[in-house]
Protein backbone atom coordinates (compact mmCIF):
# COMPACT_ATOMS: atom_id res chain seq x y z
CA UNK A 1 32.08 -48.89 61.55
CA UNK A 2 30.80 -46.09 63.79
CA UNK A 3 28.51 -43.49 62.29
CA UNK A 4 28.40 -40.02 63.92
CA UNK A 5 27.14 -36.53 63.22
CA UNK A 6 24.60 -37.18 60.46
CA UNK A 7 27.25 -38.05 57.91
CA UNK A 8 27.17 -41.17 55.84
CA UNK A 9 29.99 -43.73 56.16
CA UNK A 10 31.85 -42.34 53.12
CA UNK A 11 32.05 -38.86 54.76
CA UNK A 12 30.05 -37.48 51.84
CA UNK A 13 27.14 -35.13 52.51
CA UNK A 14 23.76 -36.78 52.18
CA UNK A 15 22.29 -35.81 48.80
CA UNK A 16 18.62 -35.43 48.06
CA UNK A 17 18.08 -36.98 44.59
CA UNK A 18 14.95 -34.89 43.95
CA UNK A 19 16.88 -31.68 44.62
CA UNK A 20 19.67 -32.84 42.29
CA UNK A 21 17.13 -33.72 39.61
CA UNK A 22 15.38 -30.35 39.98
CA UNK A 23 18.70 -28.52 39.71
CA UNK A 24 19.40 -30.20 36.36
CA UNK A 25 15.85 -29.52 35.11
CA UNK A 26 16.47 -25.86 35.96
CA UNK A 27 19.78 -25.91 34.07
CA UNK A 28 18.05 -27.37 31.01
CA UNK A 29 15.39 -24.64 31.16
CA UNK A 30 18.03 -21.95 31.63
CA UNK A 31 19.94 -23.29 28.60
CA UNK A 32 16.84 -22.86 26.42
CA UNK A 33 16.43 -19.29 27.69
CA UNK A 34 20.09 -18.54 26.87
CA UNK A 35 19.68 -19.92 23.34
CA UNK A 36 16.52 -17.84 22.79
CA UNK A 37 18.41 -14.66 23.73
CA UNK A 38 21.59 -15.66 21.83
CA UNK A 39 23.58 -15.37 25.08
CA UNK A 40 26.72 -17.44 25.71
CA UNK A 41 27.23 -16.57 29.40
CA UNK A 42 25.25 -19.56 30.71
CA UNK A 43 27.27 -22.00 28.57
CA UNK A 44 30.60 -20.50 29.65
CA UNK A 45 29.57 -21.18 33.25
CA UNK A 46 27.91 -24.61 32.95
CA UNK A 47 29.59 -26.36 29.99
CA UNK A 48 32.85 -28.12 30.84
CA UNK A 49 36.01 -26.86 29.15
CA UNK A 50 36.32 -30.24 27.41
CA UNK A 51 32.65 -30.32 26.29
CA UNK A 52 32.03 -32.31 23.09
CA UNK A 53 28.72 -32.35 21.27
CA UNK A 54 26.83 -32.75 18.02
CA UNK A 55 24.43 -30.15 16.61
CA UNK A 56 21.12 -31.05 14.96
CA UNK A 57 22.67 -31.03 11.46
CA UNK A 58 25.58 -33.29 12.46
CA UNK A 59 28.28 -30.68 13.11
CA UNK A 60 30.68 -31.65 15.89
CA UNK A 61 31.29 -28.86 18.39
CA UNK A 62 33.40 -28.09 21.43
CA UNK A 63 32.58 -25.50 24.09
CA UNK A 64 33.86 -22.57 22.03
CA UNK A 65 32.20 -23.53 18.74
CA UNK A 66 28.91 -24.27 20.52
CA UNK A 67 28.92 -20.85 22.19
CA UNK A 68 29.73 -19.25 18.83
CA UNK A 69 26.73 -21.06 17.28
CA UNK A 70 24.46 -19.79 20.09
CA UNK A 71 25.70 -16.21 19.76
CA UNK A 72 25.48 -16.20 15.95
CA UNK A 73 23.32 -13.28 14.90
CA UNK A 74 21.80 -15.16 11.94
CA UNK A 75 19.06 -16.63 14.15
CA UNK A 76 16.43 -14.55 15.95
CA UNK A 77 14.11 -16.65 18.13
CA UNK A 78 10.52 -15.71 18.89
CA UNK A 79 10.42 -18.70 21.26
CA UNK A 80 12.80 -21.43 22.39
CA UNK A 81 11.35 -23.83 24.97
CA UNK A 82 12.69 -26.91 26.75
CA UNK A 83 9.91 -29.35 27.69
CA UNK A 84 9.53 -33.02 28.59
CA UNK A 85 12.77 -32.83 30.61
CA UNK A 86 13.75 -36.19 32.12
CA UNK A 87 16.78 -36.68 34.35
CA UNK A 88 18.45 -39.94 35.34
CA UNK A 89 21.02 -39.74 38.13
CA UNK A 90 24.04 -42.05 38.46
CA UNK A 91 26.16 -41.06 41.49
CA UNK A 92 28.16 -38.03 40.23
CA UNK A 93 26.75 -38.22 36.71
CA UNK A 94 23.37 -37.53 35.16
CA UNK A 95 21.73 -37.83 31.76
CA UNK A 96 19.08 -35.28 30.82
CA UNK A 97 16.80 -35.66 27.82
CA UNK A 98 14.33 -33.07 26.63
CA UNK A 99 12.33 -31.67 23.74
CA UNK A 100 13.40 -28.30 22.35
CA UNK A 101 10.78 -26.35 20.42
CA UNK A 102 12.01 -23.33 18.47
CA UNK A 103 10.31 -20.68 16.41
CA UNK A 104 11.95 -17.69 14.76
CA UNK A 105 13.76 -16.30 11.74
CA UNK A 106 16.93 -17.70 10.18
CA UNK A 107 18.52 -15.78 7.28
CA UNK A 108 15.26 -13.90 6.62
CA UNK A 109 13.21 -17.16 6.58
CA UNK A 110 10.63 -18.04 9.24
CA UNK A 111 11.05 -21.46 10.80
CA UNK A 112 9.53 -23.72 13.41
CA UNK A 113 11.27 -26.88 14.60
CA UNK A 114 11.41 -29.50 17.30
CA UNK A 115 14.56 -31.26 18.50
CA UNK A 116 15.29 -34.03 20.95
CA UNK A 117 18.32 -33.38 23.14
CA UNK A 118 20.51 -35.41 25.43
CA UNK A 119 23.04 -33.88 27.81
CA UNK A 120 25.52 -35.72 30.03
CA UNK A 121 26.31 -33.95 33.29
CA UNK A 122 29.11 -34.55 35.81
CA UNK A 123 28.82 -33.23 39.36
CA UNK A 124 32.02 -31.34 40.18
CA UNK A 125 33.09 -29.38 43.27
CA UNK A 126 31.83 -26.31 41.35
CA UNK A 127 28.40 -27.81 40.56
CA UNK A 128 26.92 -29.72 37.64
CA UNK A 129 28.80 -29.38 34.32
CA UNK A 130 27.68 -30.52 30.87
CA UNK A 131 30.40 -32.69 29.30
CA UNK A 132 28.56 -33.96 26.23
CA UNK A 133 25.44 -33.24 24.23
CA UNK A 134 23.50 -34.47 21.20
CA UNK A 135 20.72 -32.62 19.36
CA UNK A 136 18.47 -34.46 16.90
CA UNK A 137 16.15 -32.51 14.62
CA UNK A 138 12.72 -34.11 14.35
CA UNK A 139 11.24 -34.17 10.85
CA UNK A 140 7.85 -32.42 10.69
CA UNK A 141 4.93 -34.80 11.02
CA UNK A 142 7.09 -37.94 10.70
CA UNK A 143 6.08 -41.08 12.60
CA UNK A 144 9.13 -43.36 12.33
CA UNK A 145 9.35 -46.77 14.06
CA UNK A 146 13.07 -46.34 14.98
């Protein structure tokens, strides 16, 4: 097979895995910022129409119900931070895990919590889209073996 013009044999553009990884890290950070400001615009753009996920208390959500939960005025965040973001790439798919740390007021009660998240991304012609997500609330101070 002949190989011309800097293209790979599958006629796909050459992808830099570090750039792809950094793009997803940026999306994870932007998601935390959108949650902190109770803004659904980011999720309308990046979450797939057929998104399916599970919230930290076990509620199953789709794209619409997740955006409604983000925009709910019952929660006012002082801080919402994504840290420890790890991305594993698999061709046109990626899995991102991270730690979410939140502090704020919910129904007139102050709270502070940490959650582990996992998001599954698919690379589409329109960019990376989140197709699935899982949020797990970490109990305060708990050191569990599994």
